[in-house]
Amino acid sequence: MTEAQIKLKRTESLLLELIPEALGSLNDNRLHKLDIIDIKCSRGRSDAKVYIDPASFSEQEKSEFLKLLKKARPILETFCMKEQGWFRSPKFTFEFDEQLKKAQKIEELFKKISKD
């Protein structure tokens, strides 16, 4: 693992701790119940995708959460900058992680195939 990759992983793990803390500091209680699953930073650490656990939210709730997070993005970025003393923070984009659902569907298909 190169030094750049180590720095990238370190930034991702820091953000994985900071973002839930930042969400908890917001006045909107709806955002407090969101679980951050993973964060993937771009190579230059200028952008970061924040993956959220879809849990049992409906599509309407998901879109509402994404709108709220889009509005709260500058506040979250500022929180992370101040907390770590960074000159700038990665620009966050939020999306719900649907990989678990896809994996479950694939497993169900394999079970159907094995039964036939």
C-alpha atoms as a PDB file:
ATOM      1  CA  MET A   1       0.000   0.000   0.000  1.00  0.00           C
ATOM      2  CA  THR A   2       1.458   3.345  -1.011  1.00  0.00           C
ATOM      3  CA  GLU A   3       1.625   6.425   1.160  1.00  0.00           C
ATOM      4  CA  ALA A   4      -1.127   8.118  -0.864  1.00  0.00           C
ATOM      5  CA  GLN A   5      -3.431   5.136  -0.353  1.00  0.00           C
ATOM      6  CA  ILE A   6      -2.717   5.182   3.374  1.00  0.00           C
ATOM      7  CA  LYS A   7      -3.597   8.896   3.564  1.00  0.00           C
ATOM      8  CA  LEU A   8      -6.783   8.231   1.622  1.00  0.00           C
ATOM      9  CA  LYS A   9      -7.835   5.426   3.979  1.00  0.00           C
ATOM     10  CA  ARG A  10      -6.985   7.586   6.991  1.00  0.00           C
ATOM     11  CA  THR A  11      -9.161  10.406   5.661  1.00  0.00           C
ATOM     12  CA  GLU A  12     -12.026   8.001   4.990  1.00  0.00           C
ATOM     13  CA  SER A  13     -11.862   6.554   8.500  1.00  0.00           C
ATOM     14  CA  LEU A  14     -11.734  10.045  10.047  1.00  0.00           C
ATOM     15  CA  LEU A  15     -14.765  11.110   8.052  1.00  0.00           C
ATOM     16  CA  LEU A  16     -16.567   7.915   9.075  1.00  0.00           C
ATOM     17  CA  GLU A  17     -16.254   9.115  12.676  1.00  0.00           C
ATOM     18  CA  LEU A  18     -16.807  12.833  12.069  1.00  0.00           C
ATOM     19  CA  ILE A  19     -19.903  12.800   9.858  1.00  0.00           C
ATOM     20  CA  PRO A  20     -22.191  10.970  12.343  1.00  0.00           C
ATOM     21  CA  GLU A  21     -20.940  13.348  15.033  1.00  0.00           C
ATOM     22  CA  ALA A  22     -21.712  16.300  12.773  1.00  0.00           C
ATOM     23  CA  LEU A  23     -25.174  14.917  11.989  1.00  0.00           C
ATOM     24  CA  GLY A  24     -25.804  14.585  15.720  1.00  0.00           C
ATOM     25  CA  SER A  25     -24.921  18.234  16.262  1.00  0.00           C
ATOM     26  CA  LEU A  26     -27.603  19.425  13.814  1.00  0.00           C
ATOM     27  CA  ASN A  27     -30.978  20.638  15.076  1.00  0.00           C
ATOM     28  CA  ASP A  28     -32.950  18.352  12.757  1.00  0.00           C
ATOM     29  CA  ASN A  29     -33.707  15.161  14.690  1.00  0.00           C
ATOM     30  CA  ARG A  30     -34.578  13.275  11.504  1.00  0.00           C
ATOM     31  CA  LEU A  31     -30.923  13.299  10.467  1.00  0.00           C
ATOM     32  CA  HIS A  32     -29.817  11.864  13.810  1.00  0.00           C
ATOM     33  CA  LYS A  33     -31.195   8.426  12.946  1.00  0.00           C
ATOM     34  CA  LEU A  34     -29.185   7.988   9.750  1.00  0.00           C
ATOM     35  CA  ASP A  35     -26.418   5.375   9.844  1.00  0.00           C
ATOM     36  CA  ILE A  36     -23.301   6.002   7.781  1.00  0.00           C
ATOM     37  CA  ILE A  37     -22.081   2.702   6.304  1.00  0.00           C
ATOM     38  CA  ASP A  38     -19.050   3.735   4.297  1.00  0.00           C
ATOM     39  CA  ILE A  39     -17.199   6.668   2.799  1.00  0.00           C
ATOM     40  CA  LYS A  40     -15.191   6.622  -0.406  1.00  0.00           C
ATOM     41  CA  CYS A  41     -12.931   9.583  -1.125  1.00  0.00           C
ATOM     42  CA  SER A  42     -11.704  10.493  -4.561  1.00  0.00           C
ATOM     43  CA  ARG A  43      -8.039  10.115  -5.333  1.00  0.00           C
ATOM     44  CA  GLY A  44      -7.190  13.721  -4.497  1.00  0.00           C
ATOM     45  CA  ARG A  45      -9.539  13.721  -1.491  1.00  0.00           C
ATOM     46  CA  SER A  46     -11.494  16.626  -2.944  1.00  0.00           C
ATOM     47  CA  ASP A  47     -14.746  14.641  -3.146  1.00  0.00           C
ATOM     48  CA  ALA A  48     -16.249  12.035  -0.856  1.00  0.00           C
ATOM     49  CA  LYS A  49     -19.236   9.767  -1.394  1.00  0.00           C
ATOM     50  CA  VAL A  50     -21.070   9.075   1.824  1.00  0.00           C
ATOM     51  CA  TYR A  51     -23.049   5.836   1.810  1.00  0.00           C
ATOM     52  CA  ILE A  52     -26.070   5.675   4.093  1.00  0.00           C
ATOM     53  CA  ASP A  53     -27.867   2.567   5.367  1.00  0.00           C
ATOM     54  CA  PRO A  54     -31.251   2.450   3.600  1.00  0.00           C
ATOM     55  CA  ALA A  55     -32.706   0.466   6.547  1.00  0.00           C
ATOM     56  CA  SER A  56     -36.481   0.424   6.124  1.00  0.00           C
ATOM     57  CA  PHE A  57     -36.981   3.834   4.564  1.00  0.00           C
ATOM     58  CA  SER A  58     -39.456   4.264   1.742  1.00  0.00           C
ATOM     59  CA  GLU A  59     -38.415   5.876  -1.530  1.00  0.00           C
ATOM     60  CA  GLN A  60     -40.173   9.096  -0.511  1.00  0.00           C
ATOM     61  CA  GLU A  61     -38.298   9.186   2.815  1.00  0.00           C
ATOM     62  CA  LYS A  62     -35.016   8.520   1.038  1.00  0.00           C
ATOM     63  CA  SER A  63     -35.517  11.428  -1.346  1.00  0.00           C
ATOM     64  CA  GLU A  64     -36.493  13.665   1.576  1.00  0.00           C
ATOM     65  CA  PHE A  65     -33.338  12.667   3.482  1.00  0.00           C
ATOM     66  CA  LEU A  66     -31.185  13.364   0.432  1.00  0.00           C
ATOM     67  CA  LYS A  67     -32.703  16.847   0.115  1.00  0.00           C
ATOM     68  CA  LEU A  68     -32.042  17.530   3.804  1.00  0.00           C
ATOM     69  CA  LEU A  69     -28.473  16.288   3.513  1.00  0.00           C
ATOM     70  CA  LYS A  70     -27.876  18.416   0.430  1.00  0.00           C
ATOM     71  CA  LYS A  71     -28.925  21.485   2.424  1.00  0.00           C
ATOM     72  CA  ALA A  72     -26.814  20.430   5.432  1.00  0.00           C
ATOM     73  CA  ARG A  73     -23.719  19.602   3.341  1.00  0.00           C
ATOM     74  CA  PRO A  74     -21.903  22.942   3.863  1.00  0.00           C
ATOM     75  CA  ILE A  75     -22.480  22.729   7.616  1.00  0.00           C
ATOM     76  CA  LEU A  76     -21.132  19.170   7.725  1.00  0.00           C
ATOM     77  CA  GLU A  77     -18.076  20.111   5.662  1.00  0.00           C
ATOM     78  CA  THR A  78     -17.340  23.090   7.914  1.00  0.00           C
ATOM     79  CA  PHE A  79     -17.707  20.892  11.000  1.00  0.00           C
ATOM     80  CA  CYS A  80     -15.167  18.404   9.648  1.00  0.00           C
ATOM     81  CA  MET A  81     -12.747  21.168   8.654  1.00  0.00           C
ATOM     82  CA  LYS A  82     -12.849  22.815  12.066  1.00  0.00           C
ATOM     83  CA  GLU A  83     -12.699  19.527  13.970  1.00  0.00           C
ATOM     84  CA  GLN A  84      -9.570  18.345  12.152  1.00  0.00           C
ATOM     85  CA  GLY A  85      -7.977  21.722  11.441  1.00  0.00           C
ATOM     86  CA  TRP A  86      -8.022  21.079   7.714  1.00  0.00           C
ATOM     87  CA  PHE A  87      -7.598  23.861   5.169  1.00  0.00           C
ATOM     88  CA  ARG A  88     -10.462  22.412   3.137  1.00  0.00           C
ATOM     89  CA  SER A  89     -12.865  19.537   3.398  1.00  0.00           C
ATOM     90  CA  PRO A  90     -13.908  17.069   0.726  1.00  0.00           C
ATOM     91  CA  LYS A  91     -17.168  17.918  -1.010  1.00  0.00           C
ATOM     92  CA  PHE A  92     -19.727  15.397   0.209  1.00  0.00           C
ATOM     93  CA  THR A  93     -22.272  13.620  -1.938  1.00  0.00           C
ATOM     94  CA  PHE A  94     -24.794  11.397  -0.214  1.00  0.00           C
ATOM     95  CA  GLU A  95     -26.456   8.268  -1.477  1.00  0.00           C
ATOM     96  CA  PHE A  96     -28.175   5.257  -0.012  1.00  0.00           C
ATOM     97  CA  ASP A  97     -26.193   2.021  -0.254  1.00  0.00           C
ATOM     98  CA  GLU A  98     -28.278  -0.489  -2.168  1.00  0.00           C
ATOM     99  CA  GLN A  99     -25.549  -3.156  -2.435  1.00  0.00           C
ATOM    100  CA  LEU A 100     -27.020  -5.276   0.343  1.00  0.00           C
ATOM    101  CA  LYS A 101     -30.399  -5.475  -1.401  1.00  0.00           C
ATOM    102  CA  LYS A 102     -28.709  -6.403  -4.680  1.00  0.00           C
ATOM    103  CA  ALA A 103     -26.691  -9.132  -2.978  1.00  0.00           C
ATOM    104  CA  GLN A 104     -29.840 -10.548  -1.367  1.00  0.00           C
ATOM    105  CA  LYS A 105     -31.648 -10.611  -4.711  1.00  0.00           C
ATOM    106  CA  ILE A 106     -28.732 -12.420  -6.333  1.00  0.00           C
ATOM    107  CA  GLU A 107     -28.690 -14.978  -3.504  1.00  0.00           C
ATOM    108  CA  GLU A 108     -32.421 -15.577  -3.972  1.00  0.00           C
ATOM    109  CA  LEU A 109     -31.885 -16.123  -7.697  1.00  0.00           C
ATOM    110  CA  PHE A 110     -29.116 -18.645  -6.991  1.00  0.00           C
ATOM    111  CA  LYS A 111     -31.418 -20.481  -4.563  1.00  0.00           C
ATOM    112  CA  LYS A 112     -34.146 -20.646  -7.214  1.00  0.00           C
ATOM    113  CA  ILE A 113     -31.662 -21.957  -9.762  1.00  0.00           C
ATOM    114  CA  SER A 114     -30.351 -24.617  -7.390  1.00  0.00           C
ATOM    115  CA  LYS A 115     -33.905 -25.817  -6.671  1.00  0.00           C
ATOM    116  CA  ASP A 116     -34.606 -26.278 -10.376  1.00  0.00           C
END
